[in-house]
């Protein structure tokens, strides 16, 4: 991990500086005129600051791994680019991600995010939803208007942004429909597609930004995108595992929250398929009920553990990342950023928080 630690330390400083420029802690007339494209208007900067900037920075200041922008920056450097050229676009993915967290927590009726009360608990549901929606769009406008993106790739960048934001919403739609029992057509392949859409969209966005700036050849771009997809799916699987057996204080969210929300994870799908008929039926009943009773949540977890679903999911995530890296390995020249890409994938599938 030494290469990743060395590079990510530098990257994190650049990411922090870029975030402060793209989303300042206080909105003023100059900033609002620039991102809105409207001049000569009197903005209520205090209102926007208190309902967008303050809650957004409350969430951002709680930490987070920042692995999405780091992945985009590593990809760009591995393709021969200078990391300073990609940092603003890389930060777009992180700010959008934090917007999705605020909205997801409202949809899931969650209480904790990164070990503290969720944005909607502190500031209200209306503020949380609007702040999250603002972070879907404001960062890309602010990044482009900073002038760090060459005009020659702006059209491609906007096309990538629109496609992946659409994919993000489609993935979330599937996830919501499943845990509300609006569809029963979920299996392992459907789960992987949902993860690729919901979790993979911002990963692909950053890597496609990097490929556009670096003018990467199509074969290399496809291999990078497959690698990014594998990391995203593996990250989601590990997140689902931690939601079942992680340490709540370290994890920063409620253990068993996915069961309470009735989410169909790879472990749920595997256990329902693997357990004896009566136990499989019992697990499905518990998941479908969206239980709040800790005893039912514990029963469901125990059934997944006994089915070997945790070990299955861990092995699955490692396999898809290894296969994707094998395809990518020969397409990138040896370099520190390339080695750090491999180290980052290892960290994401073995993390404890």
Protein backbone atom coordinates (compact mmCIF):
# COMPACT_ATOMS: atom_id res chain seq x y z
CA UNK A 1 0.00 0.00 0.00
CA UNK A 2 3.02 2.28 0.17
CA UNK A 3 2.67 3.61 -3.37
CA UNK A 4 -1.03 4.34 -2.88
CA UNK A 5 -0.41 6.04 0.47
CA UNK A 6 2.30 8.25 -0.99
CA UNK A 7 0.25 9.34 -4.00
CA UNK A 8 -3.09 9.63 -2.20
CA UNK A 9 -1.60 11.97 0.39
CA UNK A 10 -0.73 14.41 -2.38
CA UNK A 11 -4.04 13.83 -4.12
CA UNK A 12 -6.10 14.45 -0.97
CA UNK A 13 -4.58 17.91 -0.55
CA UNK A 14 -5.44 18.74 -4.17
CA UNK A 15 -8.96 17.33 -3.76
CA UNK A 16 -9.58 19.42 -0.63
CA UNK A 17 -8.42 22.61 -2.36
CA UNK A 18 -10.53 21.93 -5.45
CA UNK A 19 -13.65 21.17 -3.39
CA UNK A 20 -13.33 24.53 -1.62
CA UNK A 21 -13.23 26.28 -5.01
CA UNK A 22 -16.01 24.32 -6.69
CA UNK A 23 -18.25 24.44 -3.60
CA UNK A 24 -17.12 27.26 -1.28
CA UNK A 25 -18.23 27.11 2.32
CA UNK A 26 -20.00 30.44 1.86
CA UNK A 27 -21.87 31.35 -1.31
CA UNK A 28 -21.43 34.96 -2.44
CA UNK A 29 -22.81 36.99 -5.35
CA UNK A 30 -19.78 36.34 -7.55
CA UNK A 31 -19.95 32.57 -7.11
CA UNK A 32 -23.72 32.43 -7.60
CA UNK A 33 -23.58 34.57 -10.75
CA UNK A 34 -20.88 32.31 -12.18
CA UNK A 35 -22.61 28.98 -11.57
CA UNK A 36 -26.10 30.25 -12.47
CA UNK A 37 -25.02 32.04 -15.62
CA UNK A 38 -27.14 35.00 -14.51
CA UNK A 39 -25.65 38.42 -13.94
CA UNK A 40 -27.25 41.54 -12.46
CA UNK A 41 -29.45 39.52 -10.12
CA UNK A 42 -29.69 39.98 -6.38
CA UNK A 43 -29.17 36.52 -4.88
CA UNK A 44 -30.03 35.79 -1.27
CA UNK A 45 -26.56 34.40 -0.63
CA UNK A 46 -27.28 33.83 3.06
CA UNK A 47 -30.28 31.63 2.28
CA UNK A 48 -28.32 29.52 -0.21
CA UNK A 49 -25.33 29.25 2.11
CA UNK A 50 -27.46 28.01 5.02
CA UNK A 51 -29.54 25.56 2.97
CA UNK A 52 -26.86 24.23 0.58
CA UNK A 53 -23.27 25.03 1.50
CA UNK A 54 -23.51 24.56 5.28
CA UNK A 55 -25.24 21.14 5.25
CA UNK A 56 -23.07 19.98 2.36
CA UNK A 57 -19.87 20.86 4.19
CA UNK A 58 -21.21 19.33 7.40
CA UNK A 59 -21.32 16.03 5.51
CA UNK A 60 -18.04 16.56 3.65
CA UNK A 61 -16.15 17.47 6.82
CA UNK A 62 -17.11 14.13 8.38
CA UNK A 63 -14.54 12.50 6.15
CA UNK A 64 -15.01 9.81 3.57
CA UNK A 65 -12.42 7.86 1.63
CA UNK A 66 -12.46 10.15 -1.46
CA UNK A 67 -11.61 7.03 -3.46
CA UNK A 68 -13.68 8.03 -6.49
CA UNK A 69 -11.65 11.16 -7.29
CA UNK A 70 -8.43 9.36 -6.34
CA UNK A 71 -9.30 6.61 -8.83
CA UNK A 72 -9.90 9.16 -11.61
CA UNK A 73 -6.62 10.92 -10.82
CA UNK A 74 -4.64 7.67 -10.75
CA UNK A 75 -6.22 6.65 -14.06
CA UNK A 76 -5.27 9.93 -15.71
CA UNK A 77 -1.68 9.76 -14.47
CA UNK A 78 -1.43 6.11 -15.54
CA UNK A 79 -2.45 7.30 -19.02
CA UNK A 80 0.38 9.82 -19.02
CA UNK A 81 -1.48 12.96 -17.94
CA UNK A 82 -0.64 15.55 -15.29
CA UNK A 83 -2.87 15.11 -12.27
CA UNK A 84 -3.45 18.88 -11.93
CA UNK A 85 -5.40 18.74 -15.19
CA UNK A 86 -8.00 16.25 -13.92
CA UNK A 87 -8.50 17.23 -10.28
CA UNK A 88 -11.55 19.51 -10.79
CA UNK A 89 -13.40 16.89 -12.84
CA UNK A 90 -12.38 14.20 -10.36
CA UNK A 91 -13.84 16.26 -7.51
CA UNK A 92 -17.16 16.48 -9.38
CA UNK A 93 -17.65 12.75 -8.70
CA UNK A 94 -17.01 13.19 -4.97
CA UNK A 95 -19.44 16.08 -4.58
CA UNK A 96 -22.16 14.25 -6.51
CA UNK A 97 -21.54 11.18 -4.35
CA UNK A 98 -22.14 13.19 -1.19
CA UNK A 99 -25.33 14.58 -2.70
CA UNK A 100 -26.55 11.02 -3.29
CA UNK A 101 -25.78 10.13 0.34
CA UNK A 102 -28.02 12.90 1.65
CA UNK A 103 -30.89 11.86 -0.63
CA UNK A 104 -30.39 8.12 -0.05
CA UNK A 105 -30.56 8.65 3.71
CA UNK A 106 -33.94 10.34 3.32
CA UNK A 107 -35.21 7.52 1.09
CA UNK A 108 -33.92 4.86 3.50
CA UNK A 109 -35.02 6.76 6.64
CA UNK A 110 -31.50 6.29 7.99
CA UNK A 111 -30.36 7.84 11.23
CA UNK A 112 -26.56 7.79 11.02
CA UNK A 113 -24.06 8.76 8.34
CA UNK A 114 -20.34 8.61 9.05
CA UNK A 115 -21.05 8.18 12.74
CA UNK A 116 -23.24 11.28 13.12
CA UNK A 117 -26.95 12.09 12.56
CA UNK A 118 -27.87 12.23 8.88
CA UNK A 119 -28.26 15.56 7.09
CA UNK A 120 -32.06 15.30 7.07
CA UNK A 121 -32.08 14.62 10.82
CA UNK A 122 -30.02 17.76 11.52
CA UNK A 123 -31.36 20.19 8.90
CA UNK A 124 -34.69 18.75 7.76
CA UNK A 125 -35.86 16.56 4.90
CA UNK A 126 -36.50 19.50 2.57
CA UNK A 127 -33.00 20.91 3.01
CA UNK A 128 -31.38 17.46 2.61
CA UNK A 129 -33.21 16.66 -0.64
CA UNK A 130 -32.58 20.05 -2.21
CA UNK A 131 -28.95 20.14 -1.12
CA UNK A 132 -28.42 16.67 -2.56
CA UNK A 133 -30.07 17.62 -5.83
CA UNK A 134 -27.96 20.78 -6.03
CA UNK A 135 -24.79 18.68 -5.71
CA UNK A 136 -25.91 16.61 -8.70
CA UNK A 137 -25.50 19.59 -11.05
CA UNK A 138 -23.64 22.52 -9.52
CA UNK A 139 -20.20 20.83 -9.39
CA UNK A 140 -19.97 20.09 -13.12
CA UNK A 141 -20.97 23.67 -13.98
CA UNK A 142 -18.51 25.13 -11.46
CA UNK A 143 -15.70 22.86 -12.68
CA UNK A 144 -16.22 23.76 -16.32
CA UNK A 145 -16.42 27.48 -15.55
CA UNK A 146 -13.13 27.38 -13.65
CA UNK A 147 -11.55 26.87 -17.07
CA UNK A 148 -9.46 23.81 -16.20
CA UNK A 149 -11.16 21.62 -18.84
CA UNK A 150 -9.99 22.07 -22.46
CA UNK A 151 -12.75 23.27 -24.77
CA UNK A 152 -12.01 20.36 -27.10
CA UNK A 153 -13.37 17.82 -24.59
CA UNK A 154 -16.22 19.79 -22.98
CA UNK A 155 -18.84 18.19 -25.22
CA UNK A 156 -17.56 14.71 -24.39
CA UNK A 157 -17.40 15.51 -20.67
CA UNK A 158 -21.01 16.71 -20.65
CA UNK A 159 -22.14 13.64 -22.59
CA UNK A 160 -20.42 11.35 -20.06
CA UNK A 161 -21.92 13.34 -17.19
CA UNK A 162 -25.47 13.07 -18.57
CA UNK A 163 -25.18 9.34 -19.34
CA UNK A 164 -23.76 8.37 -15.97
CA UNK A 165 -26.19 10.54 -14.00
CA UNK A 166 -28.98 8.75 -15.85
CA UNK A 167 -27.40 5.39 -14.99
CA UNK A 168 -27.13 6.45 -11.35
CA UNK A 169 -30.86 7.18 -11.16
CA UNK A 170 -31.78 3.95 -12.96
CA UNK A 171 -29.72 1.93 -10.49
CA UNK A 172 -31.33 3.68 -7.56
CA UNK A 173 -34.77 3.04 -9.08
CA UNK A 174 -34.06 -0.70 -9.22
CA UNK A 175 -32.77 -0.75 -5.63
CA UNK A 176 -35.83 1.12 -4.36
CA UNK A 177 -38.23 -1.12 -6.29
CA UNK A 178 -36.62 -4.25 -4.87
CA UNK A 179 -36.74 -3.24 -1.25
CA UNK A 180 -40.33 -2.06 -1.67
CA UNK A 181 -41.18 -5.44 -3.27
CA UNK A 182 -42.31 -3.76 -6.49
CA UNK A 183 -40.48 -6.42 -8.48
CA UNK A 184 -39.58 -10.03 -7.76
CA UNK A 185 -37.30 -10.55 -10.79
CA UNK A 186 -34.01 -10.19 -8.95
CA UNK A 187 -31.15 -12.66 -9.17
CA UNK A 188 -27.36 -12.49 -9.13
CA UNK A 189 -27.06 -10.99 -12.62
CA UNK A 190 -29.72 -8.40 -11.85
CA UNK A 191 -27.91 -7.49 -8.63
CA UNK A 192 -24.64 -6.98 -10.52
CA UNK A 193 -26.41 -4.75 -13.04
CA UNK A 194 -27.97 -2.71 -10.25
CA UNK A 195 -24.56 -2.22 -8.61
CA UNK A 196 -22.96 -1.30 -11.91
CA UNK A 197 -25.64 1.34 -12.46
CA UNK A 198 -25.95 2.70 -8.93
CA UNK A 199 -22.44 2.39 -7.52
CA UNK A 200 -20.49 2.17 -10.78
CA UNK A 201 -21.85 5.30 -12.42
CA UNK A 202 -19.64 7.80 -10.57
CA UNK A 203 -16.63 5.50 -10.87
CA UNK A 204 -17.15 5.25 -14.63
CA UNK A 205 -17.77 8.98 -14.82
CA UNK A 206 -14.37 9.80 -13.33
CA UNK A 207 -12.53 7.20 -15.39
CA UNK A 208 -14.28 8.30 -18.60
CA UNK A 209 -13.37 11.91 -17.81
CA UNK A 210 -9.74 10.76 -17.50
CA UNK A 211 -9.89 8.85 -20.78
CA UNK A 212 -11.41 11.85 -22.58
CA UNK A 213 -8.72 14.23 -21.31
CA UNK A 214 -5.94 11.74 -22.12
CA UNK A 215 -7.42 10.79 -25.50
CA UNK A 216 -7.13 7.13 -24.55
CA UNK A 217 -7.56 4.52 -27.26
CA UNK A 218 -10.91 2.63 -27.22
CA UNK A 219 -9.40 -0.73 -26.21
CA UNK A 220 -7.63 0.74 -23.19
CA UNK A 221 -10.72 2.75 -22.25
CA UNK A 222 -12.92 -0.35 -22.32
CA UNK A 223 -10.47 -2.24 -20.09
CA UNK A 224 -10.29 0.68 -17.66
CA UNK A 225 -14.07 0.96 -17.51
CA UNK A 226 -14.41 -2.78 -16.87
CA UNK A 227 -11.84 -2.49 -14.08
CA UNK A 228 -13.71 0.48 -12.63
CA UNK A 229 -16.99 -1.43 -12.79
CA UNK A 230 -15.42 -4.39 -11.00
CA UNK A 231 -14.11 -2.12 -8.24
CA UNK A 232 -17.51 -0.47 -7.86
CA UNK A 233 -19.35 -3.79 -7.60
CA UNK A 234 -16.74 -5.15 -5.17
CA UNK A 235 -16.99 -1.98 -3.09
CA UNK A 236 -20.77 -2.36 -2.89
CA UNK A 237 -20.49 -6.01 -1.94
CA UNK A 238 -18.04 -5.14 0.83
CA UNK A 239 -20.37 -2.37 2.01
CA UNK A 240 -23.22 -4.89 2.14
CA UNK A 241 -21.00 -7.31 4.10
CA UNK A 242 -20.05 -4.61 6.62
CA UNK A 243 -23.73 -3.78 7.04
CA UNK A 244 -24.23 -7.32 8.32
CA UNK A 245 -21.11 -8.08 10.33
CA UNK A 246 -19.17 -4.82 10.66
CA UNK A 247 -18.42 -2.85 13.80
CA UNK A 248 -21.11 -0.16 14.02
CA UNK A 249 -18.80 2.46 15.53
CA UNK A 250 -16.16 1.93 12.85
CA UNK A 251 -18.67 1.41 10.02
CA UNK A 252 -20.56 4.63 10.88
CA UNK A 253 -24.03 3.29 9.97
CA UNK A 254 -26.57 1.01 11.60
CA UNK A 255 -25.62 -2.68 11.43
CA UNK A 256 -28.46 -4.61 9.81
CA UNK A 257 -29.90 -1.47 8.23
CA UNK A 258 -30.06 -3.18 4.83
CA UNK A 259 -32.27 -5.91 6.29
CA UNK A 260 -34.54 -3.32 7.91
CA UNK A 261 -34.85 -1.65 4.51
CA UNK A 262 -35.54 -4.98 2.77
CA UNK A 263 -32.56 -4.68 0.44
CA UNK A 264 -31.68 -7.53 -1.89
CA UNK A 265 -27.93 -7.96 -1.58
CA UNK A 266 -25.69 -10.63 -3.05
CA UNK A 267 -25.71 -12.41 0.34
CA UNK A 268 -29.52 -12.40 0.48
CA UNK A 269 -29.75 -13.76 -3.06
CA UNK A 270 -27.13 -16.43 -2.41
CA UNK A 271 -28.66 -17.53 0.91
CA UNK A 272 -32.21 -17.77 -0.48
CA UNK A 273 -30.85 -19.87 -3.34
CA UNK A 274 -28.66 -22.08 -1.11
CA UNK A 275 -30.54 -22.67 2.15
CA UNK A 276 -32.95 -25.60 2.62
CA UNK A 277 -36.43 -24.76 1.37
CA UNK A 278 -38.05 -23.87 4.70
CA UNK A 279 -35.14 -21.73 5.89
CA UNK A 280 -34.93 -20.07 2.48
CA UNK A 281 -38.63 -19.22 2.68
CA UNK A 282 -38.18 -17.91 6.22
CA UNK A 283 -35.32 -15.61 5.17
CA UNK A 284 -37.35 -14.28 2.25
CA UNK A 285 -40.26 -13.55 4.60
CA UNK A 286 -38.02 -11.61 6.98
CA UNK A 287 -36.41 -9.57 4.20
CA UNK A 288 -39.78 -8.83 2.60
CA UNK A 289 -41.18 -7.60 5.91
CA UNK A 290 -38.47 -4.97 6.37
CA UNK A 291 -38.18 -5.81 10.07
CA UNK A 292 -37.35 -3.34 12.83
CA UNK A 293 -37.17 -6.08 15.48
CA UNK A 294 -33.46 -6.66 16.30
CA UNK A 295 -34.17 -10.35 16.89
CA UNK A 296 -35.49 -10.80 13.35
CA UNK A 297 -32.54 -8.88 11.91
CA UNK A 298 -30.15 -11.10 13.86
CA UNK A 299 -32.01 -14.24 12.68
CA UNK A 300 -31.63 -13.12 9.05
CA UNK A 301 -27.91 -12.40 9.52
CA UNK A 302 -27.36 -15.78 11.17
CA UNK A 303 -29.05 -17.56 8.25
CA UNK A 304 -26.81 -15.79 5.74
CA UNK A 305 -23.73 -16.65 7.78
CA UNK A 306 -24.76 -20.30 8.05
CA UNK A 307 -25.37 -20.46 4.28
CA UNK A 308 -21.77 -19.35 3.67
CA UNK A 309 -23.05 -16.25 1.92
CA UNK A 310 -20.48 -13.91 3.47
CA UNK A 311 -17.56 -16.04 2.26
CA UNK A 312 -19.23 -16.46 -1.13
CA UNK A 313 -19.60 -12.69 -1.55
CA UNK A 314 -16.00 -12.02 -0.52
CA UNK A 315 -14.65 -14.58 -2.97
CA UNK A 316 -16.92 -13.26 -5.71
CA UNK A 317 -15.73 -9.67 -5.32
CA UNK A 318 -12.08 -10.69 -5.33
CA UNK A 319 -12.56 -12.79 -8.46
CA UNK A 320 -14.20 -10.07 -10.55
CA UNK A 321 -11.52 -7.52 -9.61
CA UNK A 322 -8.70 -9.97 -10.36
CA UNK A 323 -10.20 -10.86 -13.75
CA UNK A 324 -10.64 -7.20 -14.70
CA UNK A 325 -7.09 -6.36 -13.64
CA UNK A 326 -5.71 -9.23 -15.75
CA UNK A 327 -7.39 -7.69 -18.80
CA UNK A 328 -6.11 -4.18 -17.99
CA UNK A 329 -2.58 -5.03 -16.83
CA UNK A 330 -0.91 -5.25 -20.22
CA UNK A 331 -2.56 -2.12 -21.57
CA UNK A 332 -0.89 0.30 -19.15
CA UNK A 333 2.84 0.93 -18.90
CA UNK A 334 4.41 0.19 -15.54
CA UNK A 335 4.30 3.27 -13.30
CA UNK A 336 3.57 4.34 -9.73
CA UNK A 337 -0.03 5.33 -10.61
CA UNK A 338 -0.60 1.92 -12.20
CA UNK A 339 0.69 0.13 -9.11
CA UNK A 340 -1.45 2.38 -6.92
CA UNK A 341 -4.53 1.46 -8.97
CA UNK A 342 -3.98 -2.19 -8.07
CA UNK A 343 -3.38 -1.31 -4.42
CA UNK A 344 -6.57 0.76 -4.31
CA UNK A 345 -8.63 -2.16 -5.60
CA UNK A 346 -7.15 -4.38 -2.86
CA UNK A 347 -8.01 -1.83 -0.17
CA UNK A 348 -11.60 -1.40 -1.32
CA UNK A 349 -12.42 -5.11 -1.16
CA UNK A 350 -10.81 -5.70 2.24
CA UNK A 351 -11.71 -2.48 4.12
CA UNK A 352 -13.44 -2.52 7.49
CA UNK A 353 -15.28 0.80 7.16
